[in-house]
N, C-alpha and C. Protein backbone atom coordinates (compact mmCIF):
# COMPACT_ATOMS: atom_id res chain seq x y z
N UNK A 1 0.74 -1.33 -0.18
CA UNK A 1 -0.12 0.24 0.05
C UNK A 1 0.97 1.27 0.01
N UNK A 2 0.60 2.24 -0.86
CA UNK A 2 1.41 3.10 -1.22
C UNK A 2 1.28 4.15 0.10
N UNK A 3 1.96 5.23 0.56
CA UNK A 3 1.70 6.06 1.56
C UNK A 3 1.33 7.18 0.87
N UNK A 4 -0.09 7.53 1.09
CA UNK A 4 -0.57 8.64 0.47
C UNK A 4 -1.11 9.80 1.36
N UNK A 5 -1.08 9.27 2.67
CA UNK A 5 -1.55 10.18 3.93
C UNK A 5 -0.55 10.09 4.92
N UNK A 6 0.23 11.05 4.96
CA UNK A 6 1.28 10.86 6.02
C UNK A 6 1.08 11.94 7.39
N UNK A 7 0.74 11.56 8.36
CA UNK A 7 0.61 12.41 9.67
C UNK A 7 1.92 12.40 10.34
N UNK A 8 2.32 13.52 10.91
CA UNK A 8 3.54 13.78 11.69
C UNK A 8 3.09 14.55 12.84
N UNK A 9 3.45 14.00 14.05
CA UNK A 9 3.14 14.50 15.37
C UNK A 9 4.18 15.38 16.09
N UNK A 10 3.90 16.47 16.22
CA UNK A 10 4.77 17.49 16.81
C UNK A 10 4.38 18.20 18.20
N UNK A 11 5.51 18.33 18.85
CA UNK A 11 5.25 19.03 20.25
C UNK A 11 5.36 20.44 20.06
N UNK A 12 5.73 21.00 18.81
CA UNK A 12 6.06 22.35 18.79
C UNK A 12 7.24 22.95 19.66
N UNK A 13 8.28 22.08 19.43
CA UNK A 13 9.57 22.58 20.25
C UNK A 13 10.57 22.96 19.22
N UNK A 14 11.57 23.39 19.72
CA UNK A 14 12.55 23.98 18.86
C UNK A 14 13.56 22.84 18.19
N UNK A 15 13.56 21.62 19.18
CA UNK A 15 14.25 20.59 18.71
C UNK A 15 13.82 19.64 17.79
N UNK A 16 12.65 20.04 17.08
CA UNK A 16 11.91 19.15 16.11
C UNK A 16 12.33 19.24 14.58
N UNK A 17 13.38 19.81 14.35
CA UNK A 17 13.80 20.08 12.89
C UNK A 17 13.97 18.69 12.13
N UNK A 18 14.50 17.87 12.69
CA UNK A 18 14.85 16.47 11.83
C UNK A 18 13.53 15.66 11.54
N UNK A 19 12.55 16.00 12.56
CA UNK A 19 11.31 15.36 12.44
C UNK A 19 10.67 16.05 11.20
N UNK A 20 10.39 17.35 11.27
CA UNK A 20 9.94 18.07 10.06
C UNK A 20 10.70 17.79 8.86
N UNK A 21 11.89 17.68 8.84
CA UNK A 21 12.58 17.54 7.48
C UNK A 21 12.28 16.19 6.85
N UNK A 22 12.24 15.14 7.75
CA UNK A 22 11.98 13.72 7.54
C UNK A 22 10.59 13.55 6.86
N UNK A 23 9.49 14.37 7.49
CA UNK A 23 8.02 14.09 7.12
C UNK A 23 8.16 14.79 5.78
N UNK A 24 8.75 16.20 5.51
CA UNK A 24 8.69 16.92 4.32
C UNK A 24 9.25 16.08 3.37
N UNK A 25 10.44 15.58 3.53
CA UNK A 25 11.08 14.81 2.32
C UNK A 25 10.28 13.44 1.96
N UNK A 26 9.56 12.70 2.81
CA UNK A 26 8.73 11.55 2.47
C UNK A 26 7.46 12.03 1.66
N UNK A 27 6.82 13.08 2.17
CA UNK A 27 5.81 13.57 1.60
C UNK A 27 5.99 13.99 0.22
N UNK A 28 7.07 14.64 -0.06
CA UNK A 28 7.56 15.12 -1.51
C UNK A 28 8.05 14.00 -2.13
N UNK A 29 8.94 12.97 -1.73
CA UNK A 29 9.19 11.90 -2.55
C UNK A 29 7.91 10.80 -2.81
N UNK A 30 7.06 10.73 -2.08
CA UNK A 30 5.92 9.70 -2.20
C UNK A 30 4.67 10.56 -2.76
N UNK A 31 4.84 11.64 -3.01
CA UNK A 31 3.77 12.66 -3.57
C UNK A 31 2.35 12.48 -2.31
N UNK A 32 2.68 12.44 -1.39
CA UNK A 32 1.58 12.05 -0.35
C UNK A 32 1.17 13.56 0.44
N UNK A 33 -0.07 13.46 0.90
CA UNK A 33 -0.75 14.48 1.54
C UNK A 33 -0.03 14.59 3.09
N UNK A 34 0.51 15.65 3.48
CA UNK A 34 1.17 15.82 4.78
C UNK A 34 0.14 16.45 5.77
N UNK A 35 -0.08 15.92 6.82
CA UNK A 35 -1.10 16.43 7.88
C UNK A 35 -0.20 16.46 9.03
N UNK A 36 -0.24 17.90 9.84
CA UNK A 36 0.49 17.71 11.15
C UNK A 36 -0.62 17.90 12.23
N UNK A 37 -0.14 17.18 13.35
CA UNK A 37 -0.93 17.01 14.50
C UNK A 37 -0.25 17.57 15.83
N UNK A 38 -0.77 18.31 16.50
CA UNK A 38 -0.11 18.78 17.70
C UNK A 38 -1.17 18.43 18.56
N UNK A 39 -0.63 17.96 19.91
CA UNK A 39 -1.71 17.46 21.06
C UNK A 39 -1.62 18.64 22.00
N UNK A 40 -2.46 19.62 22.21
CA UNK A 40 -2.59 20.35 23.20
C UNK A 40 -2.99 20.10 24.66
N UNK A 41 -2.00 20.11 25.58
CA UNK A 41 -2.64 19.80 26.99
C UNK A 41 -3.77 20.67 27.42
N UNK A 42 -4.85 20.24 28.19
CA UNK A 42 -5.65 21.04 28.49
C UNK A 42 -5.21 22.24 29.55
N UNK A 43 -4.20 21.95 30.12
CA UNK A 43 -3.71 22.95 31.01
C UNK A 43 -3.12 24.06 30.47
N UNK A 44 -2.52 24.04 29.14
CA UNK A 44 -1.90 24.70 28.29
C UNK A 44 -2.45 26.30 28.46
N UNK A 45 -1.44 27.16 28.84
CA UNK A 45 -1.93 28.57 28.64
C UNK A 45 -2.42 29.22 30.09
N UNK A 46 -2.32 27.98 30.80
CA UNK A 46 -3.09 28.53 32.32
C UNK A 46 -2.05 28.57 33.28
N UNK A 47 -1.97 29.43 34.01
CA UNK A 47 -1.02 29.60 35.33
C UNK A 47 -0.94 28.66 36.37
N UNK A 48 0.14 28.10 36.56
CA UNK A 48 0.33 26.87 37.59
C UNK A 48 1.00 27.27 38.70
N UNK A 49 0.74 27.05 40.06
CA UNK A 49 1.68 27.15 41.10
C UNK A 49 2.76 26.37 41.20
N UNK A 50 2.70 25.11 40.67
CA UNK A 50 3.57 24.11 40.89
C UNK A 50 4.70 23.96 39.98
N UNK A 51 4.40 24.71 38.68
CA UNK A 51 5.22 24.28 37.52
C UNK A 51 5.16 25.26 36.49
N UNK A 52 5.91 25.52 35.48
CA UNK A 52 5.74 26.52 34.65
C UNK A 52 4.65 26.27 33.69
N UNK A 53 4.32 27.43 33.12
CA UNK A 53 2.65 27.31 32.13
C UNK A 53 3.25 26.71 30.91
N UNK A 54 2.42 25.48 30.50
CA UNK A 54 2.67 25.24 29.40
C UNK A 54 2.13 26.01 28.04
N UNK A 55 2.88 26.25 26.96
CA UNK A 55 2.76 27.09 26.06
C UNK A 55 1.45 26.65 25.30
N UNK A 56 0.77 27.69 24.80
CA UNK A 56 -0.35 27.32 24.08
C UNK A 56 -0.14 27.52 22.67
N UNK A 57 -0.17 26.41 22.05
CA UNK A 57 0.20 26.36 20.43
C UNK A 57 -1.02 26.67 19.57
N UNK A 58 -0.84 27.44 18.51
CA UNK A 58 -1.97 27.60 17.55
C UNK A 58 -1.63 27.11 16.33
N UNK A 59 -2.34 27.27 15.16
CA UNK A 59 -2.15 26.48 13.98
C UNK A 59 -0.95 27.29 13.39
N UNK A 60 -1.04 28.98 13.57
CA UNK A 60 0.14 29.57 12.88
C UNK A 60 1.44 29.49 13.48
N UNK A 61 1.62 28.84 14.77
CA UNK A 61 2.90 28.42 15.21
C UNK A 61 3.37 27.09 14.63
N UNK A 62 2.63 26.21 14.18
CA UNK A 62 2.93 25.15 13.42
C UNK A 62 3.43 25.41 12.00
N UNK A 63 2.75 26.39 11.42
CA UNK A 63 3.31 26.79 10.13
C UNK A 63 4.44 27.51 10.19
N UNK A 64 4.57 28.26 11.22
CA UNK A 64 5.79 29.18 11.39
C UNK A 64 6.95 28.14 11.54
N UNK A 65 6.86 27.09 12.23
CA UNK A 65 7.94 26.28 12.47
C UNK A 65 8.34 25.76 11.23
N UNK A 66 7.48 25.33 10.05
CA UNK A 66 8.10 24.88 8.86
C UNK A 66 8.58 26.02 8.04
N UNK A 67 8.01 27.34 8.19
CA UNK A 67 8.47 28.59 7.54
C UNK A 67 10.08 28.75 7.78
N UNK A 68 10.28 28.43 9.26
CA UNK A 68 11.64 28.93 9.71
C UNK A 68 12.48 27.91 9.33
N UNK A 69 12.19 26.65 8.72
CA UNK A 69 13.02 25.63 8.07
C UNK A 69 12.96 25.77 6.65
N UNK A 70 12.38 26.90 6.12
CA UNK A 70 12.53 27.19 4.55
C UNK A 70 11.34 26.37 3.86
N UNK A 71 10.41 25.85 4.56
CA UNK A 71 9.24 25.13 3.92
C UNK A 71 8.18 26.06 3.49
N UNK A 72 8.48 27.21 2.84
CA UNK A 72 7.29 28.20 2.76
C UNK A 72 5.87 27.64 2.06
N UNK A 73 6.25 26.86 0.91
CA UNK A 73 5.07 26.09 0.36
C UNK A 73 4.40 25.13 1.10
N UNK A 74 4.95 24.34 1.68
CA UNK A 74 4.41 23.18 2.66
C UNK A 74 3.96 23.90 3.71
N UNK A 75 4.40 24.87 4.20
CA UNK A 75 3.61 25.51 5.47
C UNK A 75 2.21 26.11 5.04
N UNK A 76 2.01 26.40 3.65
CA UNK A 76 0.74 26.78 3.11
C UNK A 76 -0.18 25.61 2.86
N UNK A 77 0.61 24.35 2.62
CA UNK A 77 -0.19 23.48 2.15
C UNK A 77 -0.66 22.34 3.12
N UNK A 78 0.00 22.38 4.27
CA UNK A 78 -0.11 21.43 5.19
C UNK A 78 -1.47 21.59 5.70
N UNK A 79 -1.98 20.37 6.27
CA UNK A 79 -3.24 20.44 7.11
C UNK A 79 -2.89 20.38 8.62
N UNK A 80 -3.36 21.24 9.46
CA UNK A 80 -2.83 21.11 10.77
C UNK A 80 -4.12 20.83 11.56
N UNK A 81 -3.89 19.95 12.51
CA UNK A 81 -4.96 19.55 13.52
C UNK A 81 -4.31 19.83 14.90
N UNK A 82 -5.05 20.69 15.72
CA UNK A 82 -4.84 20.76 17.01
C UNK A 82 -5.75 19.99 18.00
N UNK A 83 -5.35 18.88 18.49
CA UNK A 83 -6.34 18.17 19.44
C UNK A 83 -6.09 18.36 20.89
N UNK A 84 -6.84 18.37 21.65
CA UNK A 84 -6.98 18.56 23.09
C UNK A 84 -7.09 17.57 23.83
N UNK A 85 -6.12 17.11 24.85
CA UNK A 85 -6.22 15.79 25.60
C UNK A 85 -5.13 15.82 26.46
N UNK A 86 -5.02 15.08 27.44
CA UNK A 86 -4.09 14.84 28.55
C UNK A 86 -3.40 13.52 28.15
N UNK A 87 -3.90 12.67 27.38
CA UNK A 87 -3.22 11.30 26.96
C UNK A 87 -2.82 11.58 25.51
N UNK A 88 -1.38 12.08 25.54
CA UNK A 88 -0.98 12.11 23.93
C UNK A 88 -1.07 11.16 23.23
N UNK A 89 -0.49 9.82 23.64
CA UNK A 89 -0.79 8.44 22.86
C UNK A 89 -2.17 8.30 22.44
N UNK A 90 -3.06 8.66 23.07
CA UNK A 90 -4.70 8.15 22.67
C UNK A 90 -4.96 9.11 21.70
N UNK A 91 -4.67 10.50 21.70
CA UNK A 91 -4.99 11.53 20.78
C UNK A 91 -4.27 11.36 19.54
N UNK A 92 -3.16 10.89 19.52
CA UNK A 92 -2.30 10.63 18.47
C UNK A 92 -2.87 9.59 17.66
N UNK A 93 -3.12 8.58 18.40
CA UNK A 93 -3.77 7.16 17.88
C UNK A 93 -5.32 7.59 17.08
N UNK A 94 -6.06 8.49 17.68
CA UNK A 94 -7.34 8.74 17.09
C UNK A 94 -7.01 9.27 15.91
N UNK A 95 -6.04 10.24 15.84
CA UNK A 95 -5.63 11.10 14.47
C UNK A 95 -4.97 9.96 13.55
N UNK A 96 -4.75 8.80 13.86
CA UNK A 96 -3.87 8.02 12.65
C UNK A 96 -4.92 7.02 12.05
N UNK A 97 -6.04 7.10 12.47
CA UNK A 97 -7.23 6.14 12.06
C UNK A 97 -7.22 6.31 10.32
N UNK A 98 -6.88 7.45 9.93
CA UNK A 98 -7.08 7.74 8.33
C UNK A 98 -5.59 7.77 7.73
N UNK A 99 -4.82 7.74 8.69
CA UNK A 99 -3.32 7.88 8.09
C UNK A 99 -2.67 6.62 7.58
N UNK A 100 -1.80 6.59 6.56
CA UNK A 100 -1.08 5.43 6.03
C UNK A 100 0.38 5.34 6.84
N UNK A 101 0.71 6.25 7.50
CA UNK A 101 1.98 6.35 7.92
C UNK A 101 2.10 7.68 9.17
N UNK A 102 2.65 7.24 10.14
CA UNK A 102 2.87 8.19 11.32
C UNK A 102 4.34 8.38 11.30
N UNK A 103 4.71 9.81 11.54
CA UNK A 103 6.01 9.96 11.62
C UNK A 103 5.90 10.64 13.19
N UNK A 104 7.01 10.54 13.83
CA UNK A 104 7.03 11.00 15.28
C UNK A 104 8.36 10.90 15.57
N UNK A 105 8.77 11.77 16.62
CA UNK A 105 10.12 12.01 17.34
C UNK A 105 10.18 10.92 18.27
N UNK A 106 11.55 10.51 18.45
CA UNK A 106 12.03 9.64 19.40
C UNK A 106 13.23 10.33 20.26
N UNK A 107 12.93 10.30 21.64
CA UNK A 107 13.98 10.82 22.62
C UNK A 107 14.54 9.77 23.24
N UNK A 108 15.83 9.56 23.23
CA UNK A 108 16.48 8.52 24.03
C UNK A 108 16.31 8.79 25.44
N UNK A 109 16.24 7.66 26.23
CA UNK A 109 15.93 7.87 27.69
C UNK A 109 17.35 7.11 28.17
N UNK A 110 17.96 7.48 29.28
CA UNK A 110 18.90 6.60 29.99
C UNK A 110 18.28 5.31 30.72
N UNK A 111 19.20 4.43 30.74
CA UNK A 111 18.63 3.18 31.21
C UNK A 111 17.78 3.05 32.54
N UNK A 112 18.17 4.15 33.33
CA UNK A 112 17.09 3.89 34.45
C UNK A 112 15.84 4.23 34.27
N UNK A 113 15.80 5.64 33.55
CA UNK A 113 14.25 6.01 33.09
C UNK A 113 13.57 5.10 32.36
N UNK A 114 14.32 4.56 31.33
CA UNK A 114 13.37 3.52 30.42
C UNK A 114 13.16 2.22 30.99
N UNK A 115 13.53 2.00 32.34
CA UNK A 115 13.16 0.79 33.26
C UNK A 115 11.85 0.94 33.60
N UNK A 116 11.71 2.37 33.97
CA UNK A 116 10.60 2.71 34.86
C UNK A 116 9.17 3.23 33.86
N UNK A 117 9.79 3.93 32.82
CA UNK A 117 8.69 4.95 32.00
C UNK A 117 8.86 4.32 30.66
N UNK A 118 7.73 4.16 29.76
CA UNK A 118 7.69 3.98 28.59
C UNK A 118 7.70 5.31 27.83
N UNK A 119 8.40 5.52 26.89
CA UNK A 119 8.34 6.65 26.11
C UNK A 119 7.06 7.00 25.42
N UNK A 120 6.84 8.14 25.22
CA UNK A 120 5.29 8.52 24.23
C UNK A 120 5.15 7.57 23.04
N UNK A 121 6.57 7.87 22.43
CA UNK A 121 6.57 6.90 21.02
C UNK A 121 6.20 5.48 21.08
N UNK A 122 6.55 4.75 22.20
CA UNK A 122 6.33 3.37 22.59
C UNK A 122 4.93 3.13 22.61
N UNK A 123 4.37 4.25 23.56
CA UNK A 123 2.95 3.81 23.96
C UNK A 123 2.20 4.05 22.50
N UNK A 124 2.38 5.19 21.62
CA UNK A 124 1.85 5.29 20.58
C UNK A 124 1.81 4.21 19.60
N UNK A 125 3.10 3.58 19.63
CA UNK A 125 3.19 2.50 18.47
C UNK A 125 2.42 1.27 18.95
N UNK A 126 1.95 1.04 20.07
CA UNK A 126 1.30 -0.15 20.67
C UNK A 126 -0.15 0.54 20.41
N UNK A 127 -0.97 1.56 20.06
CA UNK A 127 -2.02 1.90 19.78
C UNK A 127 -2.35 2.03 18.21
N UNK A 128 -1.58 2.46 17.63
CA UNK A 128 -2.06 2.54 16.19
C UNK A 128 -2.06 1.50 15.15
N UNK A 129 -2.60 1.63 14.24
CA UNK A 129 -2.63 0.34 13.25
C UNK A 129 -1.86 0.87 12.05
N UNK A 130 -1.28 1.95 11.70
CA UNK A 130 -0.50 2.19 10.61
C UNK A 130 0.74 2.09 11.01
N UNK A 131 1.88 1.94 10.02
CA UNK A 131 3.28 2.08 10.29
C UNK A 131 3.68 3.23 10.97
N UNK A 132 4.61 3.24 11.86
CA UNK A 132 5.24 4.30 12.67
C UNK A 132 6.87 4.61 12.19
N UNK A 133 7.11 5.66 11.81
CA UNK A 133 8.65 6.11 11.66
C UNK A 133 9.10 6.77 12.77
N UNK A 134 10.04 6.33 13.55
CA UNK A 134 10.62 7.13 14.64
C UNK A 134 11.82 7.91 14.27
N UNK A 135 11.77 9.14 14.12
CA UNK A 135 12.77 10.09 13.95
C UNK A 135 13.74 10.61 15.28
N UNK A 136 14.90 10.32 15.29
CA UNK A 136 15.55 10.78 16.45
C UNK A 136 15.68 12.17 16.47
N UNK A 137 15.40 12.79 17.78
CA UNK A 137 15.57 14.32 18.02
C UNK A 137 17.07 14.44 17.63
N UNK A 138 17.40 15.75 17.30
CA UNK A 138 18.69 16.04 17.01
C UNK A 138 19.55 16.01 18.56
N UNK A 139 20.48 15.02 18.56
CA UNK A 139 21.21 14.94 19.94
C UNK A 139 21.95 16.28 20.41
N UNK A 140 21.70 16.32 21.66
CA UNK A 140 22.26 17.65 22.45
C UNK A 140 23.50 17.01 23.11
N UNK A 141 24.14 17.97 23.32
CA UNK A 141 25.25 17.61 24.26
C UNK A 141 24.70 17.53 25.75
N UNK A 142 25.36 16.46 26.43
CA UNK A 142 24.87 16.34 27.73
C UNK A 142 25.97 16.69 28.80
N UNK A 143 25.82 17.51 29.75
CA UNK A 143 26.87 17.76 30.44
C UNK A 143 26.46 17.26 32.09
N UNK A 144 27.30 16.73 32.81
CA UNK A 144 27.22 15.98 34.03
C UNK A 144 27.55 17.15 34.91
N UNK A 145 27.97 18.20 34.76
CA UNK A 145 28.29 19.31 35.72
C UNK A 145 28.35 20.54 34.76
N UNK A 146 27.57 21.57 35.06
CA UNK A 146 27.62 22.70 34.44
C UNK A 146 27.94 23.75 35.40
N UNK A 147 28.67 25.04 34.82
CA UNK A 147 28.93 25.99 35.63
C UNK A 147 28.49 27.40 35.08
N UNK A 148 27.96 28.43 36.03
CA UNK A 148 27.72 29.73 35.56
C UNK A 148 28.64 30.69 35.77
N UNK A 149 28.69 31.56 35.25
CA UNK A 149 29.78 32.79 35.88
C UNK A 149 28.70 33.87 36.43
N UNK A 150 29.53 34.43 37.57
CA UNK A 150 28.89 35.69 38.14
C UNK A 150 29.02 36.77 37.18
N UNK A 151 28.08 37.62 36.91
CA UNK A 151 28.08 38.64 36.07
C UNK A 151 29.31 39.67 36.28
N UNK A 152 29.13 40.15 37.47
CA UNK A 152 29.87 41.29 37.98
C UNK A 152 31.43 40.76 37.71
N UNK A 153 31.99 39.53 38.29
CA UNK A 153 33.42 39.60 38.27
C UNK A 153 33.84 38.26 37.58
N UNK A 154 33.00 38.05 36.41
CA UNK A 154 33.22 36.70 35.66
C UNK A 154 33.93 35.57 36.37
N UNK A 155 33.51 35.44 37.59
CA UNK A 155 33.94 34.04 38.43
C UNK A 155 32.93 33.08 38.42
N UNK A 156 33.55 31.66 38.36
CA UNK A 156 32.60 30.76 38.35
C UNK A 156 31.85 30.77 39.74
N UNK A 157 30.27 30.53 39.62
CA UNK A 157 29.60 30.37 40.76
C UNK A 157 29.51 28.83 41.44
N UNK A 158 29.76 28.21 40.48
CA UNK A 158 29.84 26.65 41.02
C UNK A 158 29.00 25.83 40.36
N UNK A 159 28.79 24.55 40.41
CA UNK A 159 27.95 23.47 39.85
C UNK A 159 26.44 23.77 39.94
N UNK A 160 25.64 23.31 39.15
CA UNK A 160 24.34 23.46 39.14
C UNK A 160 23.62 22.46 39.62
N UNK A 161 22.32 22.62 40.20
CA UNK A 161 21.91 21.66 40.73
C UNK A 161 20.34 21.25 39.65
N UNK A 162 19.55 20.39 39.79
CA UNK A 162 18.54 19.89 38.76
C UNK A 162 17.59 20.85 38.14
N UNK A 163 17.51 22.15 39.05
CA UNK A 163 16.46 22.97 38.74
C UNK A 163 17.13 23.91 37.87
N UNK A 164 18.45 23.86 37.43
CA UNK A 164 19.12 24.70 36.49
C UNK A 164 19.58 25.88 37.19
N UNK A 165 19.97 26.05 38.17
CA UNK A 165 20.35 27.13 39.09
C UNK A 165 21.59 26.87 39.67
N UNK A 166 22.64 27.72 39.97
CA UNK A 166 23.60 27.66 40.68
C UNK A 166 23.32 27.19 42.00
N UNK A 167 24.36 26.54 42.73
CA UNK A 167 24.05 26.11 43.98
C UNK A 167 23.80 27.46 45.01
N UNK A 168 24.19 28.65 44.70
CA UNK A 168 23.93 29.84 45.44
C UNK A 168 22.46 30.11 45.08
N UNK A 169 21.73 29.66 43.91
CA UNK A 169 20.60 30.01 43.50
C UNK A 169 20.20 31.40 43.14
N UNK A 170 21.30 31.93 42.61
CA UNK A 170 21.30 33.39 42.21
C UNK A 170 21.32 33.63 40.62
N UNK A 171 21.76 32.34 39.81
CA UNK A 171 21.84 32.52 38.38
C UNK A 171 21.31 31.67 37.67
N UNK A 172 20.37 31.71 36.74
CA UNK A 172 19.81 30.70 35.77
C UNK A 172 20.79 30.06 34.93
N UNK A 173 20.62 29.02 34.41
CA UNK A 173 21.49 28.42 33.50
C UNK A 173 21.23 29.00 32.27
N UNK A 174 22.48 29.46 31.40
CA UNK A 174 22.28 30.14 30.13
C UNK A 174 21.48 29.14 29.15
N UNK A 175 20.48 29.66 28.34
CA UNK A 175 19.72 28.81 27.53
C UNK A 175 20.61 28.09 26.41
N UNK A 176 21.70 28.68 26.09
CA UNK A 176 22.57 28.08 24.83
C UNK A 176 23.96 27.80 25.73
N UNK A 177 24.51 26.63 25.60
CA UNK A 177 25.80 26.66 26.05
C UNK A 177 26.89 26.54 25.26
N UNK A 178 27.71 27.65 25.26
CA UNK A 178 28.86 27.96 23.94
C UNK A 178 29.52 26.48 23.75
N UNK A 179 30.17 26.41 22.64
CA UNK A 179 30.78 25.19 22.04
C UNK A 179 32.14 25.52 22.33
């Protein structure tokens, strides 16, 4: 069966370039219709006391993600679905009922986490009836120990804890770590 309807599931995060590239490449090579799905958490856009606010993603944000990668024509032609639900695998499975192929990102977990928690992509693969293409997210460098520098005297503040702050709790981790 030829793949004429390709569904790509995106979280609309910055590290999904490889997933978008692969979905567009496949749709182009197979002359298939590309549909994008984003599952919006019901709590998105609402303020929470215990955690950061989840971003509220709109159709224009999905199209902008394609445009930022140079896919102007595809950004105009793709069909975008924003589903609301707290079970990402179930929402993705519902959306694949009409798809011939699902393209989804895969994040590698360390051995400890993978022993206790299934990844979303594994749960999705258990629920869908169409083939699933897992595309690895761009690998990022991992650091076991990070240091920040004090802005005034350019001296190291020391190692960071899990929350991304130095042990002195006075400086956040820089969003981009220099090479």
